[in-house]
Amino acid sequence: MMSQVTIYTKAYCPYCVRAKSVLDNKGVSYTELRIDEQPELRPQMIERAGGRSTVPQIFIGERHIGGCDDMLALDASGQLDPLLHK
């Protein structure tokens, strides 16, 4: 079963595009929350992300895994797929 993935993004964000591409290539569906279109979500994102205010901020279930570089590091170390397939 796939874990629920939530990703906070903005338009024209190359890191957001890269993160979504990784998830797309893995066949993972995700909920994208655009904080540029819904600025009221920004404080929620910052709170959930422990004060981090850059995008993307990626959550698998309720677990914050960080941004694009953090997700790529998890993928490279073989730790991302087990989180996605809980």
Protein backbone atom coordinates (compact mmCIF):
# COMPACT_ATOMS: atom_id res chain seq x y z
CA MET A 1 0.00 0.00 0.00
CA MET A 2 1.24 3.47 -0.85
CA SER A 3 1.78 6.05 1.85
CA GLN A 4 0.03 9.38 1.47
CA VAL A 5 2.46 11.99 0.14
CA THR A 6 1.91 15.72 0.48
CA ILE A 7 4.18 18.25 -1.20
CA TYR A 8 4.03 22.01 -0.71
CA THR A 9 5.14 23.82 -3.88
CA LYS A 10 5.21 27.06 -5.86
CA ALA A 11 5.11 27.63 -9.60
CA TYR A 12 8.47 28.12 -11.35
CA CYS A 13 10.35 26.23 -8.63
CA PRO A 14 12.91 23.90 -10.22
CA TYR A 15 13.29 21.91 -6.99
CA CYS A 16 9.52 21.38 -6.85
CA VAL A 17 9.52 20.16 -10.46
CA ARG A 18 12.40 17.78 -9.71
CA ALA A 19 10.75 16.39 -6.57
CA LYS A 20 7.45 15.82 -8.37
CA SER A 21 9.32 14.17 -11.26
CA VAL A 22 10.95 11.68 -8.88
CA LEU A 23 7.56 10.82 -7.37
CA ASP A 24 5.95 10.60 -10.84
CA ASN A 25 8.70 8.26 -12.06
CA LYS A 26 8.07 6.01 -9.06
CA GLY A 27 4.34 5.96 -9.80
CA VAL A 28 3.57 7.68 -6.50
CA SER A 29 0.46 9.81 -6.31
CA TYR A 30 0.68 12.90 -4.14
CA THR A 31 -1.31 15.87 -2.98
CA GLU A 32 0.24 19.11 -4.19
CA LEU A 33 -0.45 22.22 -2.12
CA ARG A 34 0.53 25.39 -4.00
CA ILE A 35 1.43 28.04 -1.45
CA ASP A 36 1.70 30.67 -4.19
CA GLU A 37 -1.96 30.08 -5.10
CA GLN A 38 -3.08 29.49 -1.51
CA PRO A 39 -0.85 31.71 0.66
CA GLU A 40 -2.93 30.84 3.72
CA LEU A 41 -1.27 27.38 3.60
CA ARG A 42 2.24 28.83 4.08
CA PRO A 43 2.04 29.14 7.91
CA GLN A 44 0.69 25.57 8.09
CA MET A 45 3.61 24.35 5.95
CA ILE A 46 6.19 26.18 8.08
CA GLU A 47 4.69 24.78 11.28
CA ARG A 48 4.55 21.22 9.92
CA ALA A 49 8.10 21.55 8.55
CA GLY A 50 9.59 22.62 11.87
CA GLY A 51 10.21 26.19 10.76
CA ARG A 52 11.48 25.50 7.26
CA SER A 53 10.00 28.01 4.84
CA THR A 54 11.45 27.00 1.47
CA VAL A 55 9.66 24.86 -1.09
CA PRO A 56 9.22 22.07 -1.68
CA GLN A 57 8.45 20.63 1.73
CA ILE A 58 7.60 16.97 1.44
CA PHE A 59 5.64 14.78 3.85
CA ILE A 60 5.11 11.04 3.71
CA GLY A 61 2.12 10.42 5.92
CA GLU A 62 2.74 12.78 8.82
CA ARG A 63 6.53 12.38 8.58
CA HIS A 64 8.41 15.42 7.28
CA ILE A 65 11.22 14.26 5.02
CA GLY A 66 12.39 17.75 4.03
CA GLY A 67 12.94 19.27 0.62
CA CYS A 68 14.01 17.99 -2.77
CA ASP A 69 17.66 17.40 -1.83
CA ASP A 70 16.59 15.54 1.31
CA MET A 71 14.27 13.31 -0.73
CA LEU A 72 16.99 12.63 -3.32
CA ALA A 73 19.41 11.67 -0.53
CA LEU A 74 16.84 9.25 0.92
CA ASP A 75 16.32 7.79 -2.55
CA ALA A 76 20.07 7.41 -3.16
CA SER A 77 20.51 5.60 0.17
CA GLY A 78 17.60 3.24 -0.53
CA GLN A 79 15.47 4.63 2.30
CA LEU A 80 12.78 6.40 0.23
CA ASP A 81 10.96 3.42 -1.30
CA PRO A 82 10.31 1.71 2.09
CA LEU A 83 8.76 4.96 3.36
CA LEU A 84 6.56 5.24 0.28
CA HIS A 85 5.34 1.65 0.45
CA LYS A 86 4.19 1.30 4.05
